[in-house]
């Protein structure tokens, strides 16, 4: 096994940079790099100096921490060098490590080695990535739950039930001449129904979990000059979009992410919806319609100082009421109360200019998703996990159907073995090399 090296802290100017090495030569490489009297004791931070050049000039003063196998992140010898966060210094330490026999780590290779050495399972490895990538406190909390093994410990009893049923049916195939007795068949069906229900509940939690992981897509739409860009700027708390009185100012979509009550919201400002002969504006309108189709929530902005136009009514007709929130803007204008909005659904009144009603709008946006996320415990946030759980559920239902139709034990066992394989793929027990490579390619280098 080769020794790998990489910068584990973000690349860029900073107070400290941490360089990590893992593998059989990690300690000997660091000993060659540094000046230090005595041995590096495991799990103890030690002050040392990095030498550089033919005459052993001092490059930097560093803190070296040695983690001896198997008591380390990867299960191998691991050494971390905390140096000053100068890019030239970091680059030279990494370069010298390469000359001494290390090689650059690939994306997620430290974590991959931890999985290979059974320090963590695949679910926990993916949770490390999700924890690093989390945009809100709620998303980080879900990632931490999975990092602590909550999903793995939830799956373990389900796999145990599955193994019990498989053993019973395999025994019937080997040692029983007749079909499985009715009492045993009924007990097996009960266990399988419990299993199917538990797998289904986990899979269904993805509808809320993916919102924490991927964010809620929010499209701000409306006809020109109703205040979409002003509302966008107010929600992201900075002047991100250009605002003028000229209709059609917004020609393209603008996207920003905000944390709304722990839920990441990906806000998209769009071009005003109207008929136009301007080719560039037409492209912007097409992109607005695409954003509207992809959105989890649509903020339909109306001008509260005018009556509903044909374009307003058309947008109401074309948007799904279950994922639409009507925002009536310009409540600060004296003529607002005279606006004829008969026919408009329940709405939130705001002033994007003064900020009036914005907190109520944020609360209304959050209410669309907050209740189902807060009421849930462990959530499936990973699309790969969701896909495997759905496949497992289909296989269990297939086994139940075969059992009720009094088919042979062999035909019941086939989908049950598939189920066990799918559940094993979640935690990495039965995951192929190709799938592992694909998963870890999404990790940052040094993790």
Protein backbone atom coordinates (compact mmCIF):
# COMPACT_ATOMS: atom_id res chain seq x y z
CA UNK A 1 0.00 0.00 0.00
CA UNK A 2 1.43 3.39 -1.00
CA UNK A 3 1.72 6.40 1.28
CA UNK A 4 -0.48 9.33 0.25
CA UNK A 5 -0.22 13.03 1.03
CA UNK A 6 -2.53 16.03 0.58
CA UNK A 7 -3.49 19.36 2.06
CA UNK A 8 -6.53 18.71 4.27
CA UNK A 9 -7.48 22.34 4.97
CA UNK A 10 -8.98 24.63 2.30
CA UNK A 11 -6.47 25.90 -0.24
CA UNK A 12 -5.75 29.60 0.16
CA UNK A 13 -4.22 32.12 2.54
CA UNK A 14 -4.85 31.28 6.19
CA UNK A 15 -3.31 31.10 9.63
CA UNK A 16 -2.73 27.34 9.50
CA UNK A 17 -2.54 24.66 6.83
CA UNK A 18 -2.78 20.98 7.75
CA UNK A 19 -0.97 18.46 5.54
CA UNK A 20 -1.96 14.82 6.06
CA UNK A 21 0.00 11.68 5.21
CA UNK A 22 -1.32 8.11 5.47
CA UNK A 23 0.40 4.83 4.78
CA UNK A 24 3.33 2.66 5.88
CA UNK A 25 5.98 5.33 5.18
CA UNK A 26 4.10 8.29 6.67
CA UNK A 27 6.18 8.50 9.84
CA UNK A 28 9.56 7.91 8.17
CA UNK A 29 8.80 10.61 5.56
CA UNK A 30 7.94 13.14 8.27
CA UNK A 31 11.03 12.18 10.26
CA UNK A 32 13.13 12.92 7.16
CA UNK A 33 11.34 16.24 6.67
CA UNK A 34 11.69 17.58 10.19
CA UNK A 35 14.20 18.40 12.89
CA UNK A 36 13.10 16.99 16.24
CA UNK A 37 14.94 15.49 19.19
CA UNK A 38 13.40 12.17 20.14
CA UNK A 39 10.57 10.06 18.79
CA UNK A 40 7.12 11.23 17.72
CA UNK A 41 4.79 9.77 20.33
CA UNK A 42 1.36 8.59 19.11
CA UNK A 43 -1.52 10.99 19.73
CA UNK A 44 0.72 13.74 21.02
CA UNK A 45 1.28 17.09 19.32
CA UNK A 46 4.98 17.81 18.95
CA UNK A 47 6.74 21.04 18.00
CA UNK A 48 9.25 20.52 15.18
CA UNK A 49 11.02 22.37 12.37
CA UNK A 50 10.79 21.57 8.67
CA UNK A 51 14.17 21.67 6.98
CA UNK A 52 14.62 22.60 3.36
CA UNK A 53 17.43 22.79 0.85
CA UNK A 54 20.85 21.18 0.58
CA UNK A 55 22.12 22.86 3.73
CA UNK A 56 19.06 22.06 5.85
CA UNK A 57 17.71 25.61 6.12
CA UNK A 58 14.62 25.97 8.32
CA UNK A 59 11.50 26.39 6.19
CA UNK A 60 8.88 26.58 8.94
CA UNK A 61 8.09 25.70 12.55
CA UNK A 62 5.26 23.17 12.65
CA UNK A 63 3.17 20.97 14.92
CA UNK A 64 3.39 17.25 14.11
CA UNK A 65 0.78 14.76 15.33
CA UNK A 66 1.30 11.04 14.80
CA UNK A 67 -1.58 8.50 14.86
CA UNK A 68 -0.29 4.93 14.90
CA UNK A 69 -2.13 2.15 13.06
CA UNK A 70 -4.82 0.96 13.67
CA UNK A 71 -5.85 3.88 15.91
CA UNK A 72 -6.23 6.49 13.19
CA UNK A 73 -8.72 7.87 10.71
CA UNK A 74 -7.66 5.49 7.94
CA UNK A 75 -6.55 2.55 10.08
CA UNK A 76 -3.00 3.12 8.77
CA UNK A 77 -0.15 5.20 10.20
CA UNK A 78 -1.28 8.81 9.81
CA UNK A 79 0.78 11.96 10.40
CA UNK A 80 -0.61 15.50 10.29
CA UNK A 81 1.67 18.50 9.88
CA UNK A 82 0.15 21.83 10.97
CA UNK A 83 2.22 24.57 9.33
CA UNK A 84 1.67 28.26 8.65
CA UNK A 85 -0.94 28.74 5.93
CA UNK A 86 1.41 30.13 3.29
CA UNK A 87 0.86 28.53 -0.10
CA UNK A 88 4.61 28.43 -0.92
CA UNK A 89 5.37 26.71 2.41
CA UNK A 90 2.52 24.20 1.99
CA UNK A 91 3.59 23.53 -1.60
CA UNK A 92 7.20 22.87 -0.61
CA UNK A 93 6.26 20.48 2.23
CA UNK A 94 3.99 18.51 -0.10
CA UNK A 95 6.65 18.51 -2.85
CA UNK A 96 9.33 17.25 -0.44
CA UNK A 97 6.95 14.50 0.76
CA UNK A 98 6.54 13.39 -2.86
CA UNK A 99 10.33 13.27 -3.34
CA UNK A 100 10.58 11.08 -0.24
CA UNK A 101 8.20 8.47 -1.66
CA UNK A 102 4.65 9.65 -1.06
CA UNK A 103 2.14 10.26 -3.83
CA UNK A 104 -0.68 12.79 -4.08
CA UNK A 105 -3.98 11.51 -2.67
CA UNK A 106 -6.99 11.29 -4.94
CA UNK A 107 -10.40 12.78 -4.09
CA UNK A 108 -11.66 11.24 -0.84
CA UNK A 109 -8.82 8.71 -0.73
CA UNK A 110 -8.20 9.09 3.02
CA UNK A 111 -11.86 8.34 3.70
CA UNK A 112 -11.86 5.50 1.14
CA UNK A 113 -9.00 3.88 3.06
CA UNK A 114 -10.99 4.29 6.26
CA UNK A 115 -13.86 2.36 4.62
CA UNK A 116 -11.51 -0.31 3.25
CA UNK A 117 -9.99 -0.80 6.72
CA UNK A 118 -13.46 -0.93 8.34
CA UNK A 119 -12.95 2.17 10.46
CA UNK A 120 -16.24 3.50 9.12
CA UNK A 121 -18.87 2.19 6.70
CA UNK A 122 -19.90 3.76 3.41
CA UNK A 123 -22.89 5.62 4.90
CA UNK A 124 -20.62 7.29 7.46
CA UNK A 125 -18.10 8.13 4.73
CA UNK A 126 -20.77 9.86 2.65
CA UNK A 127 -21.93 11.66 5.79
CA UNK A 128 -18.44 13.19 6.12
CA UNK A 129 -18.81 14.67 2.64
CA UNK A 130 -22.35 15.87 3.38
CA UNK A 131 -21.22 17.45 6.67
CA UNK A 132 -18.50 19.38 4.85
CA UNK A 133 -20.95 20.43 2.10
CA UNK A 134 -23.86 21.29 4.43
CA UNK A 135 -25.16 24.81 3.98
CA UNK A 136 -27.36 25.09 7.08
CA UNK A 137 -27.43 23.94 10.68
CA UNK A 138 -30.31 21.55 9.98
CA UNK A 139 -28.42 19.92 7.10
CA UNK A 140 -25.29 19.60 9.26
CA UNK A 141 -27.39 18.00 12.02
CA UNK A 142 -28.72 15.32 9.66
CA UNK A 143 -25.21 14.63 8.32
CA UNK A 144 -23.90 14.32 11.88
CA UNK A 145 -26.62 11.79 12.71
CA UNK A 146 -25.55 9.62 9.81
CA UNK A 147 -21.86 10.13 10.66
CA UNK A 148 -22.64 8.79 14.14
CA UNK A 149 -24.01 5.62 12.54
CA UNK A 150 -27.75 6.21 13.01
CA UNK A 151 -28.73 5.04 9.53
CA UNK A 152 -26.42 2.03 9.73
CA UNK A 153 -27.85 1.04 13.12
CA UNK A 154 -31.38 1.46 11.71
CA UNK A 155 -30.58 -0.87 8.82
CA UNK A 156 -28.88 -3.56 10.94
CA UNK A 157 -32.07 -4.97 12.54
CA UNK A 158 -33.79 -4.95 9.13
CA UNK A 159 -30.95 -6.98 7.65
CA UNK A 160 -31.12 -9.34 10.65
CA UNK A 161 -34.84 -9.98 10.01
CA UNK A 162 -34.07 -10.58 6.36
CA UNK A 163 -31.28 -13.05 7.16
CA UNK A 164 -33.57 -14.95 9.58
CA UNK A 165 -36.20 -15.37 6.86
CA UNK A 166 -33.60 -16.36 4.25
CA UNK A 167 -32.12 -18.99 6.59
CA UNK A 168 -35.59 -20.42 7.29
CA UNK A 169 -36.45 -20.64 3.60
CA UNK A 170 -33.04 -22.04 2.64
CA UNK A 171 -33.49 -24.74 5.30
CA UNK A 172 -36.89 -25.59 3.86
CA UNK A 173 -35.34 -25.98 0.42
CA UNK A 174 -32.59 -28.27 1.73
CA UNK A 175 -34.38 -30.42 4.29
CA UNK A 176 -38.15 -30.33 3.75
CA UNK A 177 -39.81 -32.41 1.06
CA UNK A 178 -43.17 -30.65 1.25
CA UNK A 179 -44.03 -26.97 1.03
CA UNK A 180 -43.46 -24.62 3.97
CA UNK A 181 -46.18 -25.20 6.65
CA UNK A 182 -48.95 -22.60 6.69
CA UNK A 183 -48.03 -21.42 10.19
CA UNK A 184 -44.42 -20.85 9.14
CA UNK A 185 -45.51 -19.16 5.90
CA UNK A 186 -47.79 -16.81 7.86
CA UNK A 187 -44.97 -15.92 10.27
CA UNK A 188 -42.60 -15.27 7.36
CA UNK A 189 -45.17 -13.04 5.64
CA UNK A 190 -45.68 -11.03 8.87
CA UNK A 191 -41.94 -10.45 9.17
CA UNK A 192 -41.65 -9.46 5.53
CA UNK A 193 -44.55 -7.01 5.83
CA UNK A 194 -42.85 -5.39 8.83
CA UNK A 195 -39.66 -5.20 6.81
CA UNK A 196 -41.41 -3.68 3.79
CA UNK A 197 -43.11 -1.09 5.98
CA UNK A 198 -39.84 -0.05 7.66
CA UNK A 199 -38.00 0.21 4.33
CA UNK A 200 -40.86 2.23 2.83
CA UNK A 201 -40.84 4.68 5.76
CA UNK A 202 -37.13 5.27 5.34
CA UNK A 203 -37.48 5.75 1.58
CA UNK A 204 -40.41 8.16 2.01
CA UNK A 205 -38.35 10.41 4.32
CA UNK A 206 -36.28 11.38 1.26
CA UNK A 207 -39.02 13.78 0.13
CA UNK A 208 -38.04 15.97 3.10
CA UNK A 209 -34.41 14.89 3.42
CA UNK A 210 -33.34 15.88 -0.08
CA UNK A 211 -34.52 19.44 0.60
CA UNK A 212 -31.92 19.71 3.37
CA UNK A 213 -29.25 18.13 1.19
CA UNK A 214 -29.96 19.78 -2.17
CA UNK A 215 -31.86 22.89 -1.06
CA UNK A 216 -35.35 24.15 -1.91
CA UNK A 217 -35.53 25.63 -5.40
CA UNK A 218 -37.52 28.87 -5.29
CA UNK A 219 -38.42 30.68 -8.52
CA UNK A 220 -39.53 34.33 -8.33
CA UNK A 221 -41.80 34.98 -11.30
CA UNK A 222 -44.22 37.63 -12.52
CA UNK A 223 -44.74 40.11 -15.32
CA UNK A 224 -42.23 42.99 -15.81
CA UNK A 225 -41.94 45.78 -13.22
CA UNK A 226 -43.86 44.06 -10.42
CA UNK A 227 -40.73 44.12 -8.22
CA UNK A 228 -39.26 40.63 -8.64
CA UNK A 229 -35.63 41.77 -8.60
CA UNK A 230 -36.24 44.10 -5.66
CA UNK A 231 -37.83 41.22 -3.75
CA UNK A 232 -34.90 38.97 -4.71
CA UNK A 233 -32.43 41.54 -3.36
CA UNK A 234 -34.44 41.92 -0.16
CA UNK A 235 -34.50 38.15 0.45
CA UNK A 236 -30.76 37.69 -0.19
CA UNK A 237 -30.05 40.85 1.87
CA UNK A 238 -27.86 42.54 -0.75
CA UNK A 239 -28.15 44.31 -4.11
CA UNK A 240 -27.52 41.24 -6.26
CA UNK A 241 -29.91 42.03 -9.13
CA UNK A 242 -30.06 45.24 -11.15
CA UNK A 243 -33.28 47.17 -10.46
CA UNK A 244 -34.65 49.87 -12.81
CA UNK A 245 -38.04 51.19 -13.89
CA UNK A 246 -37.40 49.95 -17.42
CA UNK A 247 -39.49 46.84 -18.24
CA UNK A 248 -37.42 43.81 -19.22
CA UNK A 249 -34.28 44.81 -17.25
CA UNK A 250 -33.76 41.23 -16.09
CA UNK A 251 -32.73 39.27 -19.17
CA UNK A 252 -31.36 36.13 -17.51
CA UNK A 253 -31.86 34.09 -14.33
CA UNK A 254 -29.91 35.03 -11.19
CA UNK A 255 -29.44 32.49 -8.41
CA UNK A 256 -28.41 32.88 -4.76
CA UNK A 257 -28.65 30.56 -1.74
CA UNK A 258 -29.96 31.67 1.66
CA UNK A 259 -30.48 29.92 4.97
CA UNK A 260 -34.13 30.15 5.94
CA UNK A 261 -34.81 28.60 9.33
CA UNK A 262 -32.20 25.91 8.77
CA UNK A 263 -33.45 25.02 5.27
CA UNK A 264 -31.26 26.03 2.32
CA UNK A 265 -33.31 28.04 -0.16
CA UNK A 266 -31.96 28.50 -3.69
CA UNK A 267 -33.63 31.68 -4.92
CA UNK A 268 -33.84 32.40 -8.65
CA UNK A 269 -34.78 35.81 -10.03
CA UNK A 270 -36.30 35.52 -13.49
CA UNK A 271 -37.14 37.65 -16.51
CA UNK A 272 -40.59 39.24 -16.57
CA UNK A 273 -43.21 37.17 -18.38
CA UNK A 274 -44.63 39.01 -21.38
CA UNK A 275 -44.81 38.86 -25.18
CA UNK A 276 -41.70 40.35 -26.76
CA UNK A 277 -39.86 40.46 -30.08
CA UNK A 278 -36.50 40.97 -28.39
CA UNK A 279 -34.50 37.77 -29.00
CA UNK A 280 -32.35 38.16 -25.86
CA UNK A 281 -35.35 38.86 -23.64
CA UNK A 282 -37.15 35.88 -25.20
CA UNK A 283 -34.28 33.60 -24.16
CA UNK A 284 -34.53 34.99 -20.63
CA UNK A 285 -38.26 34.28 -20.58
CA UNK A 286 -37.61 30.70 -21.72
CA UNK A 287 -35.14 30.24 -18.87
CA UNK A 288 -37.69 31.70 -16.47
CA UNK A 289 -40.22 29.12 -17.59
CA UNK A 290 -37.65 26.35 -17.08
CA UNK A 291 -36.90 27.65 -13.56
CA UNK A 292 -40.62 27.69 -12.89
CA UNK A 293 -40.92 24.04 -13.99
CA UNK A 294 -37.98 22.94 -11.81
CA UNK A 295 -38.98 24.90 -8.70
CA UNK A 296 -40.12 23.35 -5.42
CA UNK A 297 -41.76 26.69 -4.58
CA UNK A 298 -42.92 29.49 -6.87
CA UNK A 299 -43.21 33.06 -5.61
CA UNK A 300 -45.72 34.67 -7.98
CA UNK A 301 -45.25 38.42 -7.58
CA UNK A 302 -48.16 40.76 -8.34
CA UNK A 303 -48.28 44.55 -8.40
CA UNK A 304 -50.70 45.62 -5.65
CA UNK A 305 -51.22 49.07 -7.17
CA UNK A 306 -52.94 47.72 -10.30
CA UNK A 307 -55.69 45.28 -11.07
CA UNK A 308 -54.96 41.73 -12.17
CA UNK A 309 -53.82 41.69 -15.79
CA UNK A 310 -54.30 38.96 -18.35
CA UNK A 311 -50.62 38.04 -17.90
CA UNK A 312 -51.14 37.71 -14.12
CA UNK A 313 -54.12 35.42 -14.61
CA UNK A 314 -52.20 33.38 -17.18
CA UNK A 315 -49.34 32.87 -14.70
CA UNK A 316 -51.81 31.75 -12.03
CA UNK A 317 -53.30 29.29 -14.46
CA UNK A 318 -49.87 27.92 -15.44
CA UNK A 319 -48.53 27.48 -11.91
CA UNK A 320 -49.32 24.64 -9.53
CA UNK A 321 -51.27 25.98 -6.54
CA UNK A 322 -49.72 23.39 -4.20
CA UNK A 323 -46.25 24.87 -4.73
CA UNK A 324 -47.20 28.51 -5.37
CA UNK A 325 -47.12 31.42 -2.95
CA UNK A 326 -48.67 34.69 -4.19
CA UNK A 327 -46.75 37.82 -3.14
CA UNK A 328 -48.52 41.16 -3.58
CA UNK A 329 -45.83 43.82 -3.74
CA UNK A 330 -45.75 47.64 -3.26
CA UNK A 331 -47.87 47.79 -0.11
CA UNK A 332 -45.95 51.01 0.77
CA UNK A 333 -47.52 52.86 -2.18
CA UNK A 334 -50.69 54.93 -1.31
CA UNK A 335 -52.62 53.47 -4.25
CA UNK A 336 -51.99 49.93 -3.01
CA UNK A 337 -55.31 49.65 -1.18
CA UNK A 338 -57.16 50.60 -4.37
CA UNK A 339 -55.66 47.72 -6.33
CA UNK A 340 -58.37 45.42 -7.70
CA UNK A 341 -57.02 41.92 -6.98
CA UNK A 342 -60.31 40.09 -7.01
CA UNK A 343 -59.68 36.56 -8.11
CA UNK A 344 -56.21 36.40 -6.53
CA UNK A 345 -55.71 33.48 -4.12
CA UNK A 346 -54.60 33.88 -0.51
CA UNK A 347 -51.44 35.93 -0.50
CA UNK A 348 -48.72 37.77 1.45
CA UNK A 349 -48.54 41.57 1.17
CA UNK A 350 -45.02 43.04 1.12
CA UNK A 351 -42.98 46.05 0.18
CA UNK A 352 -39.71 44.97 -1.41
CA UNK A 353 -38.63 48.63 -1.19
CA UNK A 354 -39.12 49.17 2.58
CA UNK A 355 -39.01 45.57 3.83
CA UNK A 356 -42.54 45.62 5.20
CA UNK A 357 -44.07 42.13 5.26
CA UNK A 358 -40.78 40.40 4.37
CA UNK A 359 -40.60 38.50 7.67
CA UNK A 360 -44.17 37.28 7.15
CA UNK A 361 -43.16 36.17 3.65
CA UNK A 362 -40.14 34.28 5.02
CA UNK A 363 -42.40 32.55 7.56
CA UNK A 364 -44.87 31.60 4.83
CA UNK A 365 -42.06 30.20 2.66
CA UNK A 366 -40.67 28.22 5.57
CA UNK A 367 -44.11 26.88 6.49
CA UNK A 368 -44.30 25.11 3.13
CA UNK A 369 -41.50 22.73 4.22
CA UNK A 370 -40.69 23.31 7.89
CA UNK A 371 -43.40 21.11 9.43
CA UNK A 372 -42.50 17.89 7.64
CA UNK A 373 -38.77 18.34 8.24
CA UNK A 374 -39.08 19.27 11.93
CA UNK A 375 -41.47 16.43 12.70
CA UNK A 376 -39.10 13.84 11.21
CA UNK A 377 -36.24 12.07 12.96
CA UNK A 378 -33.63 10.45 10.77
CA UNK A 379 -34.05 11.54 7.15
CA UNK A 380 -32.69 9.95 3.99
CA UNK A 381 -30.81 12.80 2.32
CA UNK A 382 -28.79 10.84 -0.25
CA UNK A 383 -30.29 9.99 -3.66
CA UNK A 384 -28.23 6.78 -3.85
CA UNK A 385 -29.64 5.55 -0.54
CA UNK A 386 -33.17 6.43 -1.63
CA UNK A 387 -32.81 4.54 -4.90
CA UNK A 388 -31.51 1.42 -3.13
CA UNK A 389 -34.26 1.55 -0.51
CA UNK A 390 -36.91 1.82 -3.24
CA UNK A 391 -35.40 -1.16 -5.03
CA UNK A 392 -35.28 -3.13 -1.78
CA UNK A 393 -38.96 -2.35 -1.11
CA UNK A 394 -39.97 -3.59 -4.57
CA UNK A 395 -38.07 -6.84 -3.99
CA UNK A 396 -39.65 -7.45 -0.57
CA UNK A 397 -43.11 -6.88 -2.02
CA UNK A 398 -42.25 -9.32 -4.81
CA UNK A 399 -41.26 -11.93 -2.22
CA UNK A 400 -44.50 -11.40 -0.30
CA UNK A 401 -46.50 -11.82 -3.51
CA UNK A 402 -44.66 -15.09 -4.33
CA UNK A 403 -45.25 -16.35 -0.80
CA UNK A 404 -49.00 -15.61 -0.91
CA UNK A 405 -49.28 -17.36 -4.27
CA UNK A 406 -47.66 -20.47 -2.70
CA UNK A 407 -44.76 -20.45 -5.10
CA UNK A 408 -41.65 -22.50 -4.34
CA UNK A 409 -39.20 -21.30 -1.72
CA UNK A 410 -36.58 -20.73 -4.43
CA UNK A 411 -38.80 -18.10 -6.10
CA UNK A 412 -39.34 -16.35 -2.75
CA UNK A 413 -35.62 -16.41 -1.98
CA UNK A 414 -34.50 -14.67 -5.21
CA UNK A 415 -36.00 -11.24 -4.38
CA UNK A 416 -34.95 -11.60 -0.72
CA UNK A 417 -31.31 -12.10 -1.71
CA UNK A 418 -31.66 -9.03 -3.97
CA UNK A 419 -33.05 -7.07 -1.02
CA UNK A 420 -30.10 -8.05 1.16
CA UNK A 421 -27.71 -6.99 -1.59
CA UNK A 422 -29.39 -3.59 -1.99
CA UNK A 423 -29.32 -2.89 1.76
CA UNK A 424 -25.68 -4.00 1.81
CA UNK A 425 -24.86 -1.56 -0.99
CA UNK A 426 -26.04 1.32 1.21
CA UNK A 427 -23.46 0.58 3.90
CA UNK A 428 -20.80 -0.63 1.47
CA UNK A 429 -20.86 -4.35 2.28
CA UNK A 430 -21.78 -5.35 -1.28
CA UNK A 431 -20.76 -2.24 -3.23
CA UNK A 432 -18.71 -2.73 -6.40
CA UNK A 433 -15.38 -1.03 -7.09
CA UNK A 434 -16.91 1.08 -9.88
CA UNK A 435 -19.61 2.47 -7.58
CA UNK A 436 -17.04 3.23 -4.86
CA UNK A 437 -14.88 5.12 -7.37
CA UNK A 438 -17.88 7.16 -8.50
CA UNK A 439 -18.91 8.02 -4.93
CA UNK A 440 -15.44 9.07 -3.77
CA UNK A 441 -14.81 11.15 -6.88
CA UNK A 442 -17.30 13.65 -5.38
CA UNK A 443 -15.11 14.17 -2.26
CA UNK A 444 -12.59 16.96 -1.88
CA UNK A 445 -8.90 16.06 -2.03
CA UNK A 446 -7.37 15.72 1.44
CA UNK A 447 -10.48 14.14 2.96
